Amino acid sequence: MTGSPCVLVVEDEVELAELFAEWLSGDYEVRIATSGEEALERLDEDVEVVLLDRLMPGVSGDEVLERIRDRGFSVRVAMVTAVEPDFDVLEMGFDDYVVKPLFREDIRRLVRGLRKRGEYDRRLSTLFAAASKLAALESHKTEAELNGSEEYTRLKAEFERTAERVDELASGMDEGDFEAVFYDFDRVDL
C-alpha cells in the first residue's frame, strides 16, 4: 500500500484497463481486475473508487455492483461502459454512469469527483449526527449543565470544525459534482 487513494479498474478489455490505470497511476494506487470474479477478489476496505464495466463475461458489472452493495463496502462506483443507459439503471446502486469512449481528463475528473462526493458525504453524515446529539442535549439540559460538560464542549467544537470542512468541500465542487450531491428532488414526482 502506497498511502495513495486506491482505485479499482474493472474492465475485461486488458488494454483499456491498463490505459485507465496509466492515466490514474500518478495520483492513485490502481488495481486492475479483468473479470467480475477478480474484481470481487481485489476489492477490500482500501478501495475508494471502482470504475466498473457493465458487459463482462461470467459475472457482469451489474452483478459485481450488486455484490459490492450487499457486502456493505463504502466505496464509490462508476459504471464506465459502452452500454447506453436504459430504465434498468433506476434500480442500480452506482454513483455515476458514463458511456465510453472516455479520455484521460474524463477519467481523472470522474475519479476526483467521486472521491470528493465520498468525502462530502462522510463529513455531512458526521455533521448531521453531531447536530442531532447537540440538539437533543440542548433541548433537555440547562445552559449551566451544558457549559459544565467537557463532552458537550468537545462535540460542539467538533461540530463547528466539521461544518467548516463541509463548507470548504462544497465550495471546491464543480457544478456537476454539486448537482450530484444536491440533486433537485422537486423535479421528480415521488
C-alpha atoms as a PDB file:
ATOM      1  CA  MET A   1       0.000   0.000   0.000  1.00  0.00           C
ATOM      2  CA  THR A   2       1.469   3.315  -1.084  1.00  0.00           C
ATOM      3  CA  GLY A   3      -0.739   5.540   1.052  1.00  0.00           C
ATOM      4  CA  SER A   4      -2.348   6.928  -2.108  1.00  0.00           C
ATOM      5  CA  PRO A   5      -6.103   6.643  -2.587  1.00  0.00           C
ATOM      6  CA  CYS A   6      -6.963   3.308  -4.193  1.00  0.00           C
ATOM      7  CA  VAL A   7      -8.967   2.896  -7.414  1.00  0.00           C
ATOM      8  CA  LEU A   8     -10.104  -0.471  -8.756  1.00  0.00           C
ATOM      9  CA  VAL A   9     -10.462  -0.571 -12.543  1.00  0.00           C
ATOM     10  CA  VAL A  10     -12.731  -3.429 -13.627  1.00  0.00           C
ATOM     11  CA  GLU A  11     -12.550  -3.868 -17.389  1.00  0.00           C
ATOM     12  CA  ASP A  12     -12.366  -7.070 -19.435  1.00  0.00           C
ATOM     13  CA  GLU A  13     -10.502  -5.310 -22.266  1.00  0.00           C
ATOM     14  CA  VAL A  14      -6.992  -5.564 -20.829  1.00  0.00           C
ATOM     15  CA  GLU A  15      -5.523  -2.765 -22.956  1.00  0.00           C
ATOM     16  CA  LEU A  16      -8.247  -0.349 -21.883  1.00  0.00           C
ATOM     17  CA  ALA A  17      -7.871  -1.315 -18.218  1.00  0.00           C
ATOM     18  CA  GLU A  18      -4.121  -0.712 -18.458  1.00  0.00           C
ATOM     19  CA  LEU A  19      -4.691   2.634 -20.178  1.00  0.00           C
ATOM     20  CA  PHE A  20      -7.076   3.784 -17.425  1.00  0.00           C
ATOM     21  CA  ALA A  21      -4.536   2.630 -14.825  1.00  0.00           C
ATOM     22  CA  GLU A  22      -1.763   4.550 -16.561  1.00  0.00           C
ATOM     23  CA  TRP A  23      -3.878   7.721 -16.624  1.00  0.00           C
ATOM     24  CA  LEU A  24      -4.551   7.437 -12.887  1.00  0.00           C
ATOM     25  CA  SER A  25      -1.269   5.990 -11.618  1.00  0.00           C
ATOM     26  CA  GLY A  26       0.424   9.305 -10.820  1.00  0.00           C
ATOM     27  CA  ASP A  27      -2.133  10.186  -8.159  1.00  0.00           C
ATOM     28  CA  TYR A  28      -3.662   6.871  -7.135  1.00  0.00           C
ATOM     29  CA  GLU A  29      -2.836   3.314  -6.263  1.00  0.00           C
ATOM     30  CA  VAL A  30      -4.571   1.470  -9.104  1.00  0.00           C
ATOM     31  CA  ARG A  31      -5.673  -2.151  -9.088  1.00  0.00           C
ATOM     32  CA  ILE A  32      -6.860  -3.844 -12.253  1.00  0.00           C
ATOM     33  CA  ALA A  33      -9.390  -6.652 -12.491  1.00  0.00           C
ATOM     34  CA  THR A  34     -10.265  -8.097 -15.884  1.00  0.00           C
ATOM     35  CA  SER A  35     -13.320 -10.061 -14.740  1.00  0.00           C
ATOM     36  CA  GLY A  36     -16.148  -9.728 -12.280  1.00  0.00           C
ATOM     37  CA  GLU A  37     -14.776 -12.592 -10.197  1.00  0.00           C
ATOM     38  CA  GLU A  38     -11.359 -10.945  -9.993  1.00  0.00           C
ATOM     39  CA  ALA A  39     -12.956  -7.602  -9.090  1.00  0.00           C
ATOM     40  CA  LEU A  40     -14.681  -9.148  -6.084  1.00  0.00           C
ATOM     41  CA  GLU A  41     -11.388 -10.752  -5.011  1.00  0.00           C
ATOM     42  CA  ARG A  42      -9.404  -7.498  -5.347  1.00  0.00           C
ATOM     43  CA  LEU A  43     -11.967  -5.343  -3.541  1.00  0.00           C
ATOM     44  CA  ASP A  44     -11.259  -4.527   0.088  1.00  0.00           C
ATOM     45  CA  GLU A  45     -11.643  -1.619   2.507  1.00  0.00           C
ATOM     46  CA  ASP A  46      -8.674   0.239   0.954  1.00  0.00           C
ATOM     47  CA  VAL A  47     -10.532   0.777  -2.326  1.00  0.00           C
ATOM     48  CA  GLU A  48     -12.262   4.180  -2.508  1.00  0.00           C
ATOM     49  CA  VAL A  49     -13.447   4.180  -6.131  1.00  0.00           C
ATOM     50  CA  VAL A  50     -14.419   1.412  -8.541  1.00  0.00           C
ATOM     51  CA  LEU A  51     -14.574   2.035 -12.288  1.00  0.00           C
ATOM     52  CA  LEU A  52     -16.807  -0.814 -13.404  1.00  0.00           C
ATOM     53  CA  ASP A  53     -17.581  -2.073 -16.904  1.00  0.00           C
ATOM     54  CA  ARG A  54     -21.097  -3.492 -17.269  1.00  0.00           C
ATOM     55  CA  LEU A  55     -20.588  -6.043 -20.021  1.00  0.00           C
ATOM     56  CA  MET A  56     -18.153  -8.722 -18.950  1.00  0.00           C
ATOM     57  CA  PRO A  57     -18.234 -12.465 -19.458  1.00  0.00           C
ATOM     58  CA  GLY A  58     -19.069 -14.513 -16.382  1.00  0.00           C
ATOM     59  CA  VAL A  59     -20.025 -12.193 -13.557  1.00  0.00           C
ATOM     60  CA  SER A  60     -21.337  -8.990 -15.165  1.00  0.00           C
ATOM     61  CA  GLY A  61     -20.673  -5.484 -13.891  1.00  0.00           C
ATOM     62  CA  ASP A  62     -24.292  -5.291 -12.769  1.00  0.00           C
ATOM     63  CA  GLU A  63     -23.764  -8.382 -10.591  1.00  0.00           C
ATOM     64  CA  VAL A  64     -20.463  -7.043  -9.239  1.00  0.00           C
ATOM     65  CA  LEU A  65     -22.188  -3.792  -8.275  1.00  0.00           C
ATOM     66  CA  GLU A  66     -24.968  -5.669  -6.506  1.00  0.00           C
ATOM     67  CA  ARG A  67     -22.460  -7.779  -4.555  1.00  0.00           C
ATOM     68  CA  ILE A  68     -20.422  -4.702  -3.608  1.00  0.00           C
ATOM     69  CA  ARG A  69     -23.534  -3.084  -2.148  1.00  0.00           C
ATOM     70  CA  ASP A  70     -24.696  -6.327  -0.493  1.00  0.00           C
ATOM     71  CA  ARG A  71     -21.313  -6.631   1.255  1.00  0.00           C
ATOM     72  CA  GLY A  72     -21.680  -3.108   2.610  1.00  0.00           C
ATOM     73  CA  PHE A  73     -18.490  -1.627   1.155  1.00  0.00           C
ATOM     74  CA  SER A  74     -18.492   2.159   1.421  1.00  0.00           C
ATOM     75  CA  VAL A  75     -16.968   2.667  -1.988  1.00  0.00           C
ATOM     76  CA  ARG A  76     -17.951   4.955  -4.845  1.00  0.00           C
ATOM     77  CA  VAL A  77     -18.803   3.052  -8.017  1.00  0.00           C
ATOM     78  CA  ALA A  78     -18.940   4.486 -11.519  1.00  0.00           C
ATOM     79  CA  MET A  79     -20.282   2.351 -14.317  1.00  0.00           C
ATOM     80  CA  VAL A  80     -17.859   3.010 -17.189  1.00  0.00           C
ATOM     81  CA  THR A  81     -19.458   1.241 -20.085  1.00  0.00           C
ATOM     82  CA  ALA A  82     -20.380   1.129 -23.744  1.00  0.00           C
ATOM     83  CA  VAL A  83     -23.981   0.345 -22.735  1.00  0.00           C
ATOM     84  CA  GLU A  84     -26.312   3.313 -23.190  1.00  0.00           C
ATOM     85  CA  PRO A  85     -28.410   3.722 -20.033  1.00  0.00           C
ATOM     86  CA  ASP A  86     -31.926   2.340 -20.016  1.00  0.00           C
ATOM     87  CA  PHE A  87     -34.596   2.294 -17.322  1.00  0.00           C
ATOM     88  CA  ASP A  88     -32.856  -0.622 -15.589  1.00  0.00           C
ATOM     89  CA  VAL A  89     -30.334   1.897 -14.195  1.00  0.00           C
ATOM     90  CA  LEU A  90     -33.049   3.255 -11.905  1.00  0.00           C
ATOM     91  CA  GLU A  91     -32.684   0.189  -9.687  1.00  0.00           C
ATOM     92  CA  MET A  92     -28.881   0.125  -9.661  1.00  0.00           C
ATOM     93  CA  GLY A  93     -26.740   1.376  -6.788  1.00  0.00           C
ATOM     94  CA  PHE A  94     -23.974   3.160  -8.693  1.00  0.00           C
ATOM     95  CA  ASP A  95     -22.725   6.679  -8.002  1.00  0.00           C
ATOM     96  CA  ASP A  96     -22.108   7.705 -11.599  1.00  0.00           C
ATOM     97  CA  TYR A  97     -22.750   6.310 -15.064  1.00  0.00           C
ATOM     98  CA  VAL A  98     -20.574   7.261 -18.026  1.00  0.00           C
ATOM     99  CA  VAL A  99     -20.559   5.922 -21.554  1.00  0.00           C
ATOM    100  CA  LYS A 100     -17.331   5.151 -23.414  1.00  0.00           C
ATOM    101  CA  PRO A 101     -15.258   6.383 -25.087  1.00  0.00           C
ATOM    102  CA  LEU A 102     -13.551   8.367 -22.358  1.00  0.00           C
ATOM    103  CA  PHE A 103     -10.300  10.259 -22.449  1.00  0.00           C
ATOM    104  CA  ARG A 104      -7.599  10.902 -19.871  1.00  0.00           C
ATOM    105  CA  GLU A 105      -9.152  14.026 -18.363  1.00  0.00           C
ATOM    106  CA  ASP A 106     -12.622  12.400 -18.330  1.00  0.00           C
ATOM    107  CA  ILE A 107     -11.335   9.522 -16.215  1.00  0.00           C
ATOM    108  CA  ARG A 108      -9.298  11.748 -13.929  1.00  0.00           C
ATOM    109  CA  ARG A 109     -12.242  14.151 -13.415  1.00  0.00           C
ATOM    110  CA  LEU A 110     -14.579  11.224 -12.746  1.00  0.00           C
ATOM    111  CA  VAL A 111     -12.353   9.786 -10.014  1.00  0.00           C
ATOM    112  CA  ARG A 112     -11.701  13.198  -8.430  1.00  0.00           C
ATOM    113  CA  GLY A 113     -15.427  13.944  -8.362  1.00  0.00           C
ATOM    114  CA  LEU A 114     -16.336  10.588  -6.842  1.00  0.00           C
ATOM    115  CA  ARG A 115     -13.707  10.968  -4.134  1.00  0.00           C
ATOM    116  CA  LYS A 116     -14.893  14.495  -3.352  1.00  0.00           C
ATOM    117  CA  ARG A 117     -18.513  13.323  -3.107  1.00  0.00           C
ATOM    118  CA  GLY A 118     -17.460  10.484  -0.816  1.00  0.00           C
ATOM    119  CA  GLU A 119     -15.589  12.871   1.459  1.00  0.00           C
ATOM    120  CA  TYR A 120     -18.520  15.274   1.437  1.00  0.00           C
ATOM    121  CA  ASP A 121     -20.975  12.504   2.314  1.00  0.00           C
ATOM    122  CA  ARG A 122     -18.793  11.320   5.221  1.00  0.00           C
ATOM    123  CA  ARG A 123     -18.412  14.853   6.558  1.00  0.00           C
ATOM    124  CA  LEU A 124     -22.088  15.612   6.088  1.00  0.00           C
ATOM    125  CA  SER A 125     -23.077  12.420   7.942  1.00  0.00           C
ATOM    126  CA  THR A 126     -20.751  13.364  10.801  1.00  0.00           C
ATOM    127  CA  LEU A 127     -22.194  16.871  10.818  1.00  0.00           C
ATOM    128  CA  PHE A 128     -25.800  15.644  10.962  1.00  0.00           C
ATOM    129  CA  ALA A 129     -25.007  13.144  13.714  1.00  0.00           C
ATOM    130  CA  ALA A 130     -23.293  15.807  15.821  1.00  0.00           C
ATOM    131  CA  ALA A 131     -26.134  18.284  15.194  1.00  0.00           C
ATOM    132  CA  SER A 132     -28.674  15.715  16.342  1.00  0.00           C
ATOM    133  CA  LYS A 133     -26.742  14.999  19.549  1.00  0.00           C
ATOM    134  CA  LEU A 134     -26.280  18.692  20.274  1.00  0.00           C
ATOM    135  CA  ALA A 135     -29.958  19.428  19.656  1.00  0.00           C
ATOM    136  CA  ALA A 136     -31.023  16.602  21.969  1.00  0.00           C
ATOM    137  CA  LEU A 137     -28.778  17.834  24.762  1.00  0.00           C
ATOM    138  CA  GLU A 138     -29.658  21.497  24.265  1.00  0.00           C
ATOM    139  CA  SER A 139     -33.377  20.779  24.464  1.00  0.00           C
ATOM    140  CA  HIS A 140     -33.085  18.837  27.725  1.00  0.00           C
ATOM    141  CA  LYS A 141     -30.215  20.449  29.637  1.00  0.00           C
ATOM    142  CA  THR A 142     -29.736  23.850  31.160  1.00  0.00           C
ATOM    143  CA  GLU A 143     -27.078  26.208  29.847  1.00  0.00           C
ATOM    144  CA  ALA A 144     -25.100  25.738  33.077  1.00  0.00           C
ATOM    145  CA  GLU A 145     -25.179  21.945  32.655  1.00  0.00           C
ATOM    146  CA  LEU A 146     -24.041  22.245  29.039  1.00  0.00           C
ATOM    147  CA  ASN A 147     -21.213  24.655  29.893  1.00  0.00           C
ATOM    148  CA  GLY A 148     -20.042  22.307  32.638  1.00  0.00           C
ATOM    149  CA  SER A 149     -19.743  19.296  30.323  1.00  0.00           C
ATOM    150  CA  GLU A 150     -16.386  18.601  28.674  1.00  0.00           C
ATOM    151  CA  GLU A 151     -18.047  16.120  26.321  1.00  0.00           C
ATOM    152  CA  TYR A 152     -20.573  18.706  25.176  1.00  0.00           C
ATOM    153  CA  THR A 153     -17.839  21.311  24.629  1.00  0.00           C
ATOM    154  CA  ARG A 154     -15.774  18.784  22.644  1.00  0.00           C
ATOM    155  CA  LEU A 155     -18.770  17.781  20.492  1.00  0.00           C
ATOM    156  CA  LYS A 156     -19.695  21.405  19.825  1.00  0.00           C
ATOM    157  CA  ALA A 157     -16.109  22.170  18.727  1.00  0.00           C
ATOM    158  CA  GLU A 158     -16.095  19.052  16.517  1.00  0.00           C
ATOM    159  CA  PHE A 159     -19.408  20.142  15.001  1.00  0.00           C
ATOM    160  CA  GLU A 160     -18.016  23.581  14.159  1.00  0.00           C
ATOM    161  CA  ARG A 161     -14.829  22.127  12.604  1.00  0.00           C
ATOM    162  CA  THR A 162     -16.858  19.660  10.544  1.00  0.00           C
ATOM    163  CA  ALA A 163     -19.237  22.407   9.387  1.00  0.00           C
ATOM    164  CA  GLU A 164     -16.244  24.453   8.205  1.00  0.00           C
ATOM    165  CA  ARG A 165     -14.817  21.450   6.346  1.00  0.00           C
ATOM    166  CA  VAL A 166     -18.188  20.744   4.691  1.00  0.00           C
ATOM    167  CA  ASP A 167     -18.307  24.364   3.534  1.00  0.00           C
ATOM    168  CA  GLU A 168     -14.758  24.096   2.145  1.00  0.00           C
ATOM    169  CA  LEU A 169     -15.602  20.890   0.284  1.00  0.00           C
ATOM    170  CA  ALA A 170     -18.807  22.352  -1.140  1.00  0.00           C
ATOM    171  CA  SER A 171     -17.018  25.473  -2.351  1.00  0.00           C
ATOM    172  CA  GLY A 172     -14.455  23.289  -4.153  1.00  0.00           C
ATOM    173  CA  MET A 173     -17.025  21.239  -6.058  1.00  0.00           C
ATOM    174  CA  ASP A 174     -17.602  21.810  -9.712  1.00  0.00           C
ATOM    175  CA  GLU A 175     -21.187  22.203 -10.890  1.00  0.00           C
ATOM    176  CA  GLY A 176     -21.620  18.545 -11.863  1.00  0.00           C
ATOM    177  CA  ASP A 177     -20.397  17.236  -8.506  1.00  0.00           C
ATOM    178  CA  PHE A 178     -22.525  19.744  -6.615  1.00  0.00           C
ATOM    179  CA  GLU A 179     -25.627  18.718  -8.575  1.00  0.00           C
ATOM    180  CA  ALA A 180     -24.880  15.040  -7.949  1.00  0.00           C
ATOM    181  CA  VAL A 181     -24.762  15.633  -4.194  1.00  0.00           C
ATOM    182  CA  PHE A 182     -27.699  18.028  -4.081  1.00  0.00           C
ATOM    183  CA  TYR A 183     -29.982  16.576  -6.723  1.00  0.00           C
ATOM    184  CA  ASP A 184     -33.120  18.657  -7.154  1.00  0.00           C
ATOM    185  CA  PHE A 185     -35.789  16.257  -5.876  1.00  0.00           C
ATOM    186  CA  ASP A 186     -38.523  18.705  -6.813  1.00  0.00           C
ATOM    187  CA  ARG A 187     -38.022  17.586 -10.403  1.00  0.00           C
ATOM    188  CA  VAL A 188     -39.093  14.067  -9.528  1.00  0.00           C
ATOM    189  CA  ASP A 189     -42.657  13.065  -8.719  1.00  0.00           C
ATOM    190  CA  LEU A 190     -42.339  10.703  -5.781  1.00  0.00           C
END
